[in-house]
N, C-alpha and C. Protein backbone atom coordinates (compact mmCIF):
# COMPACT_ATOMS: atom_id res chain seq x y z
N MET A 1 -50.93 -36.81 219.12
CA MET A 1 -50.60 -36.62 217.71
C MET A 1 -50.69 -37.97 217.00
N ALA A 2 -51.34 -38.00 215.85
CA ALA A 2 -51.51 -39.23 215.08
C ALA A 2 -50.18 -39.64 214.44
N PRO A 3 -49.93 -40.95 214.35
CA PRO A 3 -48.70 -41.38 213.69
C PRO A 3 -48.73 -41.03 212.21
N GLU A 4 -47.52 -40.85 211.65
CA GLU A 4 -47.44 -40.55 210.22
C GLU A 4 -47.95 -41.73 209.43
N ASN A 5 -48.56 -41.45 208.30
CA ASN A 5 -48.89 -42.54 207.40
C ASN A 5 -48.29 -42.25 206.05
N HIS A 6 -48.20 -43.29 205.22
CA HIS A 6 -47.51 -43.16 203.93
C HIS A 6 -48.14 -42.12 203.02
N SER A 7 -49.42 -41.87 203.14
CA SER A 7 -50.06 -40.94 202.22
C SER A 7 -49.56 -39.51 202.41
N ARG A 8 -49.00 -39.20 203.57
CA ARG A 8 -48.51 -37.85 203.81
C ARG A 8 -47.01 -37.73 203.54
N LEU A 9 -46.37 -38.84 203.22
CA LEU A 9 -44.94 -38.81 202.97
C LEU A 9 -44.69 -38.50 201.50
N PRO A 10 -43.54 -37.90 201.19
CA PRO A 10 -43.23 -37.62 199.79
C PRO A 10 -42.97 -38.89 198.99
N GLY A 11 -42.66 -39.97 199.65
CA GLY A 11 -42.42 -41.23 198.97
C GLY A 11 -40.98 -41.67 199.06
N VAL A 12 -40.82 -42.96 199.22
CA VAL A 12 -39.51 -43.59 199.27
C VAL A 12 -39.46 -44.65 198.19
N ILE A 13 -38.36 -44.67 197.47
CA ILE A 13 -38.17 -45.63 196.38
C ILE A 13 -36.98 -46.52 196.72
N VAL A 14 -37.19 -47.82 196.65
CA VAL A 14 -36.12 -48.78 196.85
C VAL A 14 -35.94 -49.51 195.53
N ILE A 15 -34.75 -49.40 194.97
CA ILE A 15 -34.40 -50.11 193.75
C ILE A 15 -33.59 -51.34 194.14
N VAL A 16 -34.14 -52.52 193.89
CA VAL A 16 -33.41 -53.75 194.12
C VAL A 16 -32.68 -54.05 192.82
N MET A 17 -31.35 -54.03 192.89
CA MET A 17 -30.54 -54.03 191.67
C MET A 17 -29.50 -55.14 191.66
N GLY A 18 -29.00 -55.41 190.47
CA GLY A 18 -27.94 -56.38 190.27
C GLY A 18 -28.09 -57.00 188.88
N VAL A 19 -27.21 -57.91 188.58
CA VAL A 19 -27.22 -58.53 187.26
C VAL A 19 -28.43 -59.44 187.12
N SER A 20 -28.74 -59.79 185.90
CA SER A 20 -29.84 -60.69 185.62
C SER A 20 -29.62 -62.02 186.34
N GLY A 21 -30.68 -62.55 186.91
CA GLY A 21 -30.61 -63.84 187.58
C GLY A 21 -30.22 -63.80 189.03
N CYS A 22 -29.98 -62.61 189.59
CA CYS A 22 -29.56 -62.53 190.99
C CYS A 22 -30.74 -62.59 191.97
N GLY A 23 -31.96 -62.52 191.45
CA GLY A 23 -33.14 -62.61 192.32
C GLY A 23 -33.85 -61.30 192.57
N LYS A 24 -33.62 -60.31 191.73
CA LYS A 24 -34.19 -58.99 191.95
C LYS A 24 -35.71 -59.01 192.12
N SER A 25 -36.41 -59.65 191.22
CA SER A 25 -37.87 -59.62 191.26
C SER A 25 -38.42 -60.29 192.50
N THR A 26 -37.89 -61.45 192.83
CA THR A 26 -38.36 -62.18 194.01
C THR A 26 -38.08 -61.40 195.28
N VAL A 27 -36.85 -60.92 195.43
CA VAL A 27 -36.48 -60.18 196.64
C VAL A 27 -37.23 -58.85 196.72
N ALA A 28 -37.37 -58.16 195.61
CA ALA A 28 -38.09 -56.88 195.62
C ALA A 28 -39.55 -57.08 196.05
N ARG A 29 -40.18 -58.12 195.57
CA ARG A 29 -41.57 -58.41 195.95
C ARG A 29 -41.66 -58.65 197.47
N LEU A 30 -40.74 -59.45 198.00
CA LEU A 30 -40.72 -59.72 199.43
C LEU A 30 -40.41 -58.47 200.24
N LEU A 31 -39.49 -57.66 199.75
CA LEU A 31 -39.11 -56.44 200.45
C LEU A 31 -40.27 -55.44 200.47
N ALA A 32 -41.01 -55.37 199.39
CA ALA A 32 -42.19 -54.49 199.36
C ALA A 32 -43.18 -54.91 200.44
N GLU A 33 -43.34 -56.20 200.64
CA GLU A 33 -44.23 -56.69 201.69
C GLU A 33 -43.72 -56.28 203.07
N CYS A 34 -42.40 -56.30 203.28
CA CYS A 34 -41.80 -55.91 204.56
C CYS A 34 -42.17 -54.48 204.94
N PHE A 35 -42.26 -53.61 203.94
CA PHE A 35 -42.53 -52.20 204.19
C PHE A 35 -43.96 -51.80 203.84
N ASP A 36 -44.82 -52.80 203.62
CA ASP A 36 -46.19 -52.54 203.22
C ASP A 36 -46.20 -51.57 202.04
N GLY A 37 -45.31 -51.84 201.09
CA GLY A 37 -45.15 -50.96 199.94
C GLY A 37 -45.67 -51.58 198.65
N HIS A 38 -45.51 -50.84 197.59
CA HIS A 38 -45.94 -51.22 196.26
C HIS A 38 -44.75 -51.83 195.53
N PHE A 39 -44.97 -52.93 194.81
CA PHE A 39 -43.91 -53.60 194.06
C PHE A 39 -44.15 -53.46 192.56
N ARG A 40 -43.04 -53.31 191.83
CA ARG A 40 -43.10 -53.35 190.37
C ARG A 40 -41.80 -53.95 189.85
N ASP A 41 -41.92 -54.84 188.90
CA ASP A 41 -40.75 -55.39 188.23
C ASP A 41 -40.41 -54.47 187.08
N GLY A 42 -39.22 -53.89 187.11
CA GLY A 42 -38.81 -52.98 186.04
C GLY A 42 -38.82 -53.61 184.67
N ASP A 43 -38.65 -54.94 184.60
CA ASP A 43 -38.69 -55.61 183.31
C ASP A 43 -40.04 -55.42 182.62
N GLU A 44 -41.11 -55.25 183.41
CA GLU A 44 -42.44 -55.04 182.84
C GLU A 44 -42.54 -53.72 182.09
N LEU A 45 -41.60 -52.83 182.32
CA LEU A 45 -41.62 -51.52 181.67
C LEU A 45 -40.76 -51.46 180.41
N HIS A 46 -40.05 -52.56 180.13
CA HIS A 46 -39.26 -52.61 178.89
C HIS A 46 -40.18 -52.57 177.68
N PRO A 47 -39.80 -51.84 176.64
CA PRO A 47 -40.58 -51.93 175.40
C PRO A 47 -40.35 -53.30 174.75
N PRO A 48 -41.30 -53.76 173.96
CA PRO A 48 -41.15 -55.07 173.31
C PRO A 48 -39.85 -55.22 172.51
N ALA A 49 -39.37 -54.14 171.91
CA ALA A 49 -38.14 -54.23 171.13
C ALA A 49 -36.95 -54.60 172.01
N ASN A 50 -36.88 -54.06 173.22
CA ASN A 50 -35.79 -54.42 174.13
C ASN A 50 -35.87 -55.89 174.52
N ILE A 51 -37.06 -56.35 174.83
CA ILE A 51 -37.23 -57.75 175.22
C ILE A 51 -36.83 -58.67 174.07
N ALA A 52 -37.22 -58.30 172.86
CA ALA A 52 -36.86 -59.11 171.69
C ALA A 52 -35.34 -59.16 171.51
N LEU A 53 -34.67 -58.03 171.70
CA LEU A 53 -33.21 -58.01 171.57
C LEU A 53 -32.56 -58.95 172.58
N MET A 54 -32.95 -58.80 173.84
CA MET A 54 -32.35 -59.62 174.88
C MET A 54 -32.67 -61.10 174.67
N ALA A 55 -33.91 -61.40 174.31
CA ALA A 55 -34.32 -62.79 174.09
C ALA A 55 -33.51 -63.43 172.97
N SER A 56 -33.08 -62.62 172.01
CA SER A 56 -32.28 -63.14 170.90
C SER A 56 -30.79 -63.23 171.24
N GLY A 57 -30.44 -62.82 172.47
CA GLY A 57 -29.04 -62.88 172.88
C GLY A 57 -28.25 -61.63 172.57
N THR A 58 -28.95 -60.55 172.20
CA THR A 58 -28.28 -59.29 171.88
C THR A 58 -28.33 -58.36 173.09
N PRO A 59 -27.18 -57.94 173.59
CA PRO A 59 -27.20 -57.03 174.74
C PRO A 59 -27.76 -55.66 174.35
N LEU A 60 -28.41 -55.02 175.30
CA LEU A 60 -28.92 -53.68 175.05
C LEU A 60 -27.79 -52.67 175.05
N THR A 61 -27.95 -51.64 174.23
CA THR A 61 -27.03 -50.51 174.24
C THR A 61 -27.63 -49.43 175.15
N ASP A 62 -26.84 -48.42 175.45
CA ASP A 62 -27.40 -47.31 176.23
C ASP A 62 -28.55 -46.65 175.48
N GLU A 63 -28.46 -46.60 174.17
CA GLU A 63 -29.56 -46.03 173.37
C GLU A 63 -30.86 -46.81 173.59
N ASP A 64 -30.74 -48.13 173.73
CA ASP A 64 -31.90 -48.97 174.01
C ASP A 64 -32.41 -48.76 175.44
N ARG A 65 -31.47 -48.58 176.37
CA ARG A 65 -31.81 -48.53 177.79
C ARG A 65 -32.40 -47.20 178.25
N TRP A 66 -31.93 -46.08 177.70
CA TRP A 66 -32.34 -44.78 178.26
C TRP A 66 -33.85 -44.57 178.31
N PRO A 67 -34.59 -44.84 177.24
CA PRO A 67 -36.04 -44.64 177.34
C PRO A 67 -36.67 -45.53 178.41
N TRP A 68 -36.17 -46.75 178.54
CA TRP A 68 -36.67 -47.66 179.57
C TRP A 68 -36.35 -47.12 180.96
N LEU A 69 -35.11 -46.70 181.18
CA LEU A 69 -34.73 -46.16 182.49
C LEU A 69 -35.53 -44.91 182.83
N GLU A 70 -35.79 -44.08 181.84
CA GLU A 70 -36.62 -42.90 182.08
C GLU A 70 -38.03 -43.30 182.48
N GLN A 71 -38.54 -44.36 181.87
CA GLN A 71 -39.87 -44.83 182.24
C GLN A 71 -39.87 -45.40 183.65
N VAL A 72 -38.82 -46.14 184.02
CA VAL A 72 -38.71 -46.67 185.38
C VAL A 72 -38.65 -45.50 186.36
N ARG A 73 -37.85 -44.50 186.07
CA ARG A 73 -37.75 -43.32 186.95
C ARG A 73 -39.11 -42.65 187.12
N ASP A 74 -39.80 -42.42 186.01
CA ASP A 74 -41.09 -41.74 186.08
C ASP A 74 -42.13 -42.57 186.81
N TYR A 75 -42.11 -43.88 186.57
CA TYR A 75 -43.03 -44.77 187.28
C TYR A 75 -42.73 -44.73 188.78
N ALA A 76 -41.45 -44.81 189.14
CA ALA A 76 -41.06 -44.80 190.55
C ALA A 76 -41.53 -43.53 191.24
N ARG A 77 -41.34 -42.40 190.60
CA ARG A 77 -41.76 -41.12 191.18
C ARG A 77 -43.27 -41.11 191.44
N GLN A 78 -44.04 -41.52 190.43
CA GLN A 78 -45.50 -41.52 190.54
C GLN A 78 -45.97 -42.53 191.59
N ALA A 79 -45.43 -43.73 191.55
CA ALA A 79 -45.85 -44.77 192.49
C ALA A 79 -45.50 -44.41 193.92
N ALA A 80 -44.34 -43.79 194.14
CA ALA A 80 -43.96 -43.38 195.49
C ALA A 80 -44.91 -42.31 196.01
N SER A 81 -45.32 -41.40 195.15
CA SER A 81 -46.25 -40.36 195.60
C SER A 81 -47.63 -40.94 195.92
N GLU A 82 -48.00 -42.00 195.23
CA GLU A 82 -49.30 -42.64 195.47
C GLU A 82 -49.28 -43.62 196.63
N HIS A 83 -48.18 -44.37 196.78
CA HIS A 83 -48.16 -45.48 197.73
C HIS A 83 -47.26 -45.25 198.94
N GLY A 84 -46.45 -44.22 198.93
CA GLY A 84 -45.54 -43.96 200.05
C GLY A 84 -44.22 -44.68 199.89
N VAL A 85 -44.27 -46.00 199.75
CA VAL A 85 -43.06 -46.79 199.55
C VAL A 85 -43.27 -47.63 198.30
N VAL A 86 -42.32 -47.57 197.39
CA VAL A 86 -42.35 -48.41 196.19
C VAL A 86 -41.01 -49.13 196.08
N VAL A 87 -41.08 -50.41 195.77
CA VAL A 87 -39.88 -51.23 195.59
C VAL A 87 -39.90 -51.73 194.15
N ILE A 88 -38.83 -51.43 193.43
CA ILE A 88 -38.75 -51.77 192.01
C ILE A 88 -37.51 -52.63 191.77
N ALA A 89 -37.72 -53.71 191.05
CA ALA A 89 -36.60 -54.55 190.60
C ALA A 89 -36.09 -53.94 189.29
N CYS A 90 -34.82 -53.55 189.28
CA CYS A 90 -34.23 -52.92 188.10
C CYS A 90 -32.72 -53.14 188.16
N SER A 91 -32.13 -53.59 187.08
CA SER A 91 -30.70 -53.92 187.08
C SER A 91 -29.82 -52.75 187.53
N ALA A 92 -30.03 -51.55 187.00
CA ALA A 92 -29.29 -50.34 187.41
C ALA A 92 -27.79 -50.61 187.54
N LEU A 93 -27.21 -51.22 186.52
CA LEU A 93 -25.84 -51.69 186.61
C LEU A 93 -24.78 -50.59 186.65
N ARG A 94 -25.02 -49.52 185.95
CA ARG A 94 -24.01 -48.44 185.87
C ARG A 94 -24.40 -47.27 186.76
N GLN A 95 -23.39 -46.53 187.18
CA GLN A 95 -23.64 -45.38 188.04
C GLN A 95 -24.54 -44.35 187.36
N ARG A 96 -24.32 -44.12 186.07
CA ARG A 96 -25.15 -43.11 185.39
C ARG A 96 -26.62 -43.55 185.33
N TYR A 97 -26.88 -44.87 185.31
CA TYR A 97 -28.26 -45.35 185.36
C TYR A 97 -28.85 -45.07 186.74
N ARG A 98 -28.05 -45.32 187.77
CA ARG A 98 -28.53 -45.06 189.14
C ARG A 98 -28.73 -43.57 189.36
N ASP A 99 -27.87 -42.74 188.76
CA ASP A 99 -28.05 -41.29 188.86
C ASP A 99 -29.38 -40.87 188.25
N LEU A 100 -29.70 -41.43 187.08
CA LEU A 100 -30.97 -41.11 186.43
C LEU A 100 -32.14 -41.56 187.31
N LEU A 101 -32.09 -42.77 187.83
CA LEU A 101 -33.15 -43.27 188.69
C LEU A 101 -33.27 -42.42 189.96
N GLY A 102 -32.15 -41.90 190.42
CA GLY A 102 -32.14 -41.05 191.62
C GLY A 102 -32.93 -39.76 191.45
N GLU A 103 -33.18 -39.37 190.21
CA GLU A 103 -33.99 -38.17 189.95
C GLU A 103 -35.45 -38.37 190.36
N ALA A 104 -35.83 -39.61 190.63
CA ALA A 104 -37.22 -39.90 190.99
C ALA A 104 -37.58 -39.39 192.38
N GLY A 105 -36.60 -39.14 193.23
CA GLY A 105 -36.89 -38.67 194.59
C GLY A 105 -35.96 -39.28 195.60
N CYS A 106 -36.54 -39.75 196.70
CA CYS A 106 -35.78 -40.35 197.80
C CYS A 106 -35.52 -41.82 197.46
N VAL A 107 -34.35 -42.10 196.86
CA VAL A 107 -34.06 -43.42 196.32
C VAL A 107 -32.95 -44.11 197.12
N TYR A 108 -33.20 -45.37 197.45
CA TYR A 108 -32.23 -46.25 198.07
C TYR A 108 -32.02 -47.43 197.12
N HIS A 109 -30.82 -47.99 197.14
CA HIS A 109 -30.52 -49.15 196.30
C HIS A 109 -30.14 -50.33 197.18
N VAL A 110 -30.71 -51.48 196.87
CA VAL A 110 -30.31 -52.74 197.49
C VAL A 110 -29.59 -53.53 196.40
N PHE A 111 -28.29 -53.69 196.57
CA PHE A 111 -27.46 -54.39 195.59
C PHE A 111 -27.40 -55.86 195.98
N LEU A 112 -27.93 -56.72 195.10
CA LEU A 112 -27.88 -58.16 195.31
C LEU A 112 -26.57 -58.69 194.74
N ASP A 113 -25.69 -59.07 195.64
CA ASP A 113 -24.31 -59.40 195.30
C ASP A 113 -24.08 -60.91 195.34
N GLY A 114 -23.59 -61.44 194.24
CA GLY A 114 -23.30 -62.88 194.18
C GLY A 114 -22.32 -63.21 193.07
N SER A 115 -21.81 -64.40 193.11
CA SER A 115 -20.81 -64.82 192.13
C SER A 115 -21.46 -65.15 190.79
N ARG A 116 -20.66 -65.09 189.76
CA ARG A 116 -21.15 -65.43 188.43
C ARG A 116 -21.61 -66.88 188.39
N GLU A 117 -20.86 -67.76 189.05
CA GLU A 117 -21.19 -69.18 189.05
C GLU A 117 -22.57 -69.43 189.69
N LEU A 118 -22.81 -68.82 190.84
CA LEU A 118 -24.09 -68.98 191.52
C LEU A 118 -25.24 -68.46 190.65
N ILE A 119 -25.06 -67.28 190.10
CA ILE A 119 -26.13 -66.66 189.31
C ILE A 119 -26.36 -67.43 188.01
N SER A 120 -25.30 -67.87 187.37
CA SER A 120 -25.45 -68.64 186.14
C SER A 120 -26.25 -69.92 186.40
N GLY A 121 -25.97 -70.59 187.50
CA GLY A 121 -26.71 -71.79 187.86
C GLY A 121 -28.19 -71.50 188.06
N ARG A 122 -28.49 -70.38 188.70
CA ARG A 122 -29.89 -70.00 188.93
C ARG A 122 -30.58 -69.64 187.61
N MET A 123 -29.85 -68.99 186.72
CA MET A 123 -30.44 -68.62 185.43
C MET A 123 -30.80 -69.86 184.62
N ARG A 124 -29.95 -70.87 184.67
CA ARG A 124 -30.24 -72.10 183.92
C ARG A 124 -31.47 -72.83 184.47
N GLU A 125 -31.77 -72.65 185.76
CA GLU A 125 -32.91 -73.32 186.38
C GLU A 125 -34.23 -72.59 186.18
N ARG A 126 -34.20 -71.29 185.93
CA ARG A 126 -35.47 -70.56 185.84
C ARG A 126 -36.14 -70.79 184.49
N LYS A 127 -37.43 -70.70 184.51
CA LYS A 127 -38.23 -70.96 183.32
C LYS A 127 -39.00 -69.70 182.92
N GLY A 128 -39.13 -69.49 181.61
CA GLY A 128 -40.01 -68.44 181.10
C GLY A 128 -39.46 -67.03 181.15
N HIS A 129 -38.18 -66.85 181.39
CA HIS A 129 -37.62 -65.48 181.40
C HIS A 129 -36.92 -65.24 180.07
N PHE A 130 -37.03 -64.01 179.58
CA PHE A 130 -36.49 -63.67 178.26
C PHE A 130 -34.97 -63.55 178.23
N MET A 131 -34.33 -63.34 179.37
CA MET A 131 -32.89 -63.09 179.39
C MET A 131 -32.12 -64.41 179.40
N PRO A 132 -31.34 -64.68 178.34
CA PRO A 132 -30.58 -65.93 178.31
C PRO A 132 -29.30 -65.84 179.15
N ASP A 133 -28.85 -66.99 179.60
CA ASP A 133 -27.60 -67.10 180.36
C ASP A 133 -26.42 -66.54 179.57
N SER A 134 -26.51 -66.58 178.24
CA SER A 134 -25.40 -66.12 177.41
C SER A 134 -25.09 -64.63 177.58
N LEU A 135 -26.05 -63.85 178.10
CA LEU A 135 -25.82 -62.42 178.30
C LEU A 135 -25.27 -62.08 179.69
N LEU A 136 -25.08 -63.08 180.53
CA LEU A 136 -24.62 -62.82 181.89
C LEU A 136 -23.24 -62.16 181.92
N ASP A 137 -22.35 -62.59 181.03
CA ASP A 137 -21.02 -61.96 181.00
C ASP A 137 -21.10 -60.47 180.69
N THR A 138 -22.01 -60.08 179.79
CA THR A 138 -22.15 -58.66 179.47
C THR A 138 -22.71 -57.89 180.66
N GLN A 139 -23.56 -58.55 181.44
CA GLN A 139 -24.11 -57.92 182.65
C GLN A 139 -22.99 -57.64 183.66
N PHE A 140 -22.16 -58.66 183.90
CA PHE A 140 -21.05 -58.47 184.85
C PHE A 140 -20.05 -57.44 184.32
N ALA A 141 -19.84 -57.40 183.02
CA ALA A 141 -18.91 -56.42 182.44
C ALA A 141 -19.45 -55.00 182.61
N ALA A 142 -20.75 -54.84 182.54
CA ALA A 142 -21.36 -53.51 182.67
C ALA A 142 -21.48 -53.06 184.13
N LEU A 143 -21.49 -54.00 185.07
CA LEU A 143 -21.72 -53.68 186.47
C LEU A 143 -20.64 -52.78 187.04
N GLU A 144 -21.07 -51.63 187.54
CA GLU A 144 -20.20 -50.72 188.30
C GLU A 144 -20.69 -50.82 189.74
N SER A 145 -19.92 -51.48 190.57
CA SER A 145 -20.37 -51.78 191.93
C SER A 145 -20.74 -50.50 192.69
N PRO A 146 -21.91 -50.52 193.33
CA PRO A 146 -22.32 -49.37 194.13
C PRO A 146 -21.91 -49.48 195.59
N VAL A 147 -21.19 -50.54 195.95
CA VAL A 147 -20.82 -50.78 197.34
C VAL A 147 -20.08 -49.57 197.90
N GLY A 148 -20.51 -49.14 199.07
CA GLY A 148 -19.88 -48.03 199.76
C GLY A 148 -20.49 -46.67 199.45
N GLN A 149 -21.43 -46.62 198.52
CA GLN A 149 -22.07 -45.35 198.19
C GLN A 149 -23.21 -45.06 199.17
N PRO A 150 -23.52 -43.78 199.35
CA PRO A 150 -24.64 -43.44 200.24
C PRO A 150 -25.95 -44.05 199.72
N ARG A 151 -26.80 -44.41 200.64
CA ARG A 151 -28.12 -44.98 200.33
C ARG A 151 -28.06 -46.26 199.52
N VAL A 152 -26.96 -47.00 199.71
CA VAL A 152 -26.81 -48.31 199.05
C VAL A 152 -26.52 -49.34 200.13
N VAL A 153 -27.24 -50.45 200.09
CA VAL A 153 -26.91 -51.58 200.94
C VAL A 153 -26.64 -52.77 200.02
N ALA A 154 -25.62 -53.52 200.36
CA ALA A 154 -25.27 -54.71 199.59
C ALA A 154 -25.68 -55.93 200.41
N VAL A 155 -26.29 -56.90 199.73
CA VAL A 155 -26.77 -58.09 200.40
C VAL A 155 -26.28 -59.32 199.62
N ASP A 156 -25.74 -60.27 200.34
CA ASP A 156 -25.28 -61.52 199.75
C ASP A 156 -26.48 -62.35 199.32
N ILE A 157 -26.42 -62.92 198.13
CA ILE A 157 -27.57 -63.66 197.59
C ILE A 157 -27.47 -65.16 197.79
N THR A 158 -26.52 -65.63 198.59
CA THR A 158 -26.38 -67.06 198.81
C THR A 158 -27.58 -67.67 199.55
N PRO A 159 -28.12 -67.01 200.59
CA PRO A 159 -29.26 -67.61 201.30
C PRO A 159 -30.54 -67.64 200.45
N PRO A 160 -31.58 -68.29 200.97
CA PRO A 160 -32.87 -68.28 200.28
C PRO A 160 -33.45 -66.87 200.20
N PRO A 161 -34.36 -66.63 199.23
CA PRO A 161 -34.91 -65.28 199.02
C PRO A 161 -35.49 -64.61 200.26
N ALA A 162 -36.21 -65.33 201.09
CA ALA A 162 -36.81 -64.72 202.28
C ALA A 162 -35.72 -64.18 203.21
N GLN A 163 -34.63 -64.90 203.35
CA GLN A 163 -33.53 -64.43 204.19
C GLN A 163 -32.82 -63.24 203.57
N ILE A 164 -32.72 -63.23 202.25
CA ILE A 164 -32.11 -62.09 201.56
C ILE A 164 -32.95 -60.84 201.80
N ALA A 165 -34.28 -60.98 201.66
CA ALA A 165 -35.17 -59.84 201.88
C ALA A 165 -35.10 -59.36 203.32
N THR A 166 -35.02 -60.28 204.26
CA THR A 166 -34.91 -59.90 205.68
C THR A 166 -33.60 -59.15 205.93
N ALA A 167 -32.52 -59.62 205.33
CA ALA A 167 -31.23 -58.94 205.48
C ALA A 167 -31.28 -57.55 204.85
N ALA A 168 -31.93 -57.43 203.70
CA ALA A 168 -32.05 -56.12 203.04
C ALA A 168 -32.89 -55.17 203.89
N GLU A 169 -33.99 -55.68 204.43
CA GLU A 169 -34.83 -54.84 205.29
C GLU A 169 -34.03 -54.34 206.50
N ALA A 170 -33.31 -55.24 207.15
CA ALA A 170 -32.51 -54.86 208.32
C ALA A 170 -31.46 -53.82 207.95
N ALA A 171 -30.80 -54.02 206.82
CA ALA A 171 -29.76 -53.07 206.40
C ALA A 171 -30.35 -51.69 206.10
N LEU A 172 -31.51 -51.67 205.45
CA LEU A 172 -32.17 -50.38 205.18
C LEU A 172 -32.58 -49.70 206.48
N ARG A 173 -33.11 -50.46 207.41
CA ARG A 173 -33.55 -49.89 208.69
C ARG A 173 -32.40 -49.35 209.52
N GLU A 174 -31.17 -49.72 209.20
CA GLU A 174 -30.01 -49.17 209.90
C GLU A 174 -29.70 -47.74 209.47
N HIS A 175 -30.30 -47.30 208.37
CA HIS A 175 -30.12 -45.93 207.91
C HIS A 175 -31.15 -45.04 208.60
N PRO A 176 -30.73 -44.15 209.51
CA PRO A 176 -31.70 -43.30 210.21
C PRO A 176 -32.55 -42.46 209.26
N ASP A 177 -31.97 -42.01 208.16
CA ASP A 177 -32.76 -41.21 207.23
C ASP A 177 -33.80 -42.05 206.50
N PHE A 178 -33.55 -43.35 206.33
CA PHE A 178 -34.55 -44.23 205.73
C PHE A 178 -35.74 -44.37 206.67
N ILE A 179 -35.46 -44.62 207.92
CA ILE A 179 -36.54 -44.77 208.91
C ILE A 179 -37.35 -43.48 208.99
N LYS A 180 -36.67 -42.36 209.00
CA LYS A 180 -37.38 -41.08 209.04
C LYS A 180 -38.25 -40.92 207.78
N ALA A 181 -37.71 -41.31 206.62
CA ALA A 181 -38.44 -41.13 205.37
C ALA A 181 -39.70 -42.00 205.29
N ILE A 182 -39.62 -43.24 205.81
CA ILE A 182 -40.80 -44.10 205.71
C ILE A 182 -41.75 -43.91 206.89
N GLY A 183 -41.29 -43.19 207.92
CA GLY A 183 -42.19 -42.84 209.01
C GLY A 183 -42.51 -43.97 209.96
N THR A 184 -41.61 -44.96 210.07
CA THR A 184 -41.82 -46.03 211.03
C THR A 184 -40.62 -46.18 211.91
N PRO A 185 -40.81 -46.61 213.14
CA PRO A 185 -39.66 -46.78 214.04
C PRO A 185 -38.83 -47.98 213.64
N PRO A 186 -37.53 -47.98 214.01
CA PRO A 186 -36.67 -49.12 213.70
C PRO A 186 -37.10 -50.36 214.47
């Protein structure tokens, strides 16, 4: 019998989530490589109006976020059906946002967990991102921790990105249903 390949799987979606500046995009890209999957930065799906608001220091409202989250969900569903495994960087701070993203199919969340001080320092060092450090407090205020929920793994962001991605991969592989879904042995 031939081994399963991703094209015959319904698709697995991994949302790498957390507040701005925690390393979502970098870790998600590395994690996609670990699973030979497709990567997408959810920020690329924001409409220009959302980016302009955040760049000006104005936090998004749910009214601003819902169309974006729906687009992320729809993209995730389509990409998973095409690529087998898709890894998307998306803040997904509130439970209702994660519930909406969960409508895309077989969704797992990797929560990048770190202190405000660590993340603030990293935000000040990065160049060319639209999200200012001044919005970090609103991000932490909106965060509803997913720790302990099914299909969620939490990873400490203190180590370098490659180690974070390795820890996330290992934590995901500990879920027997994840291994079954992606069709590879642990």
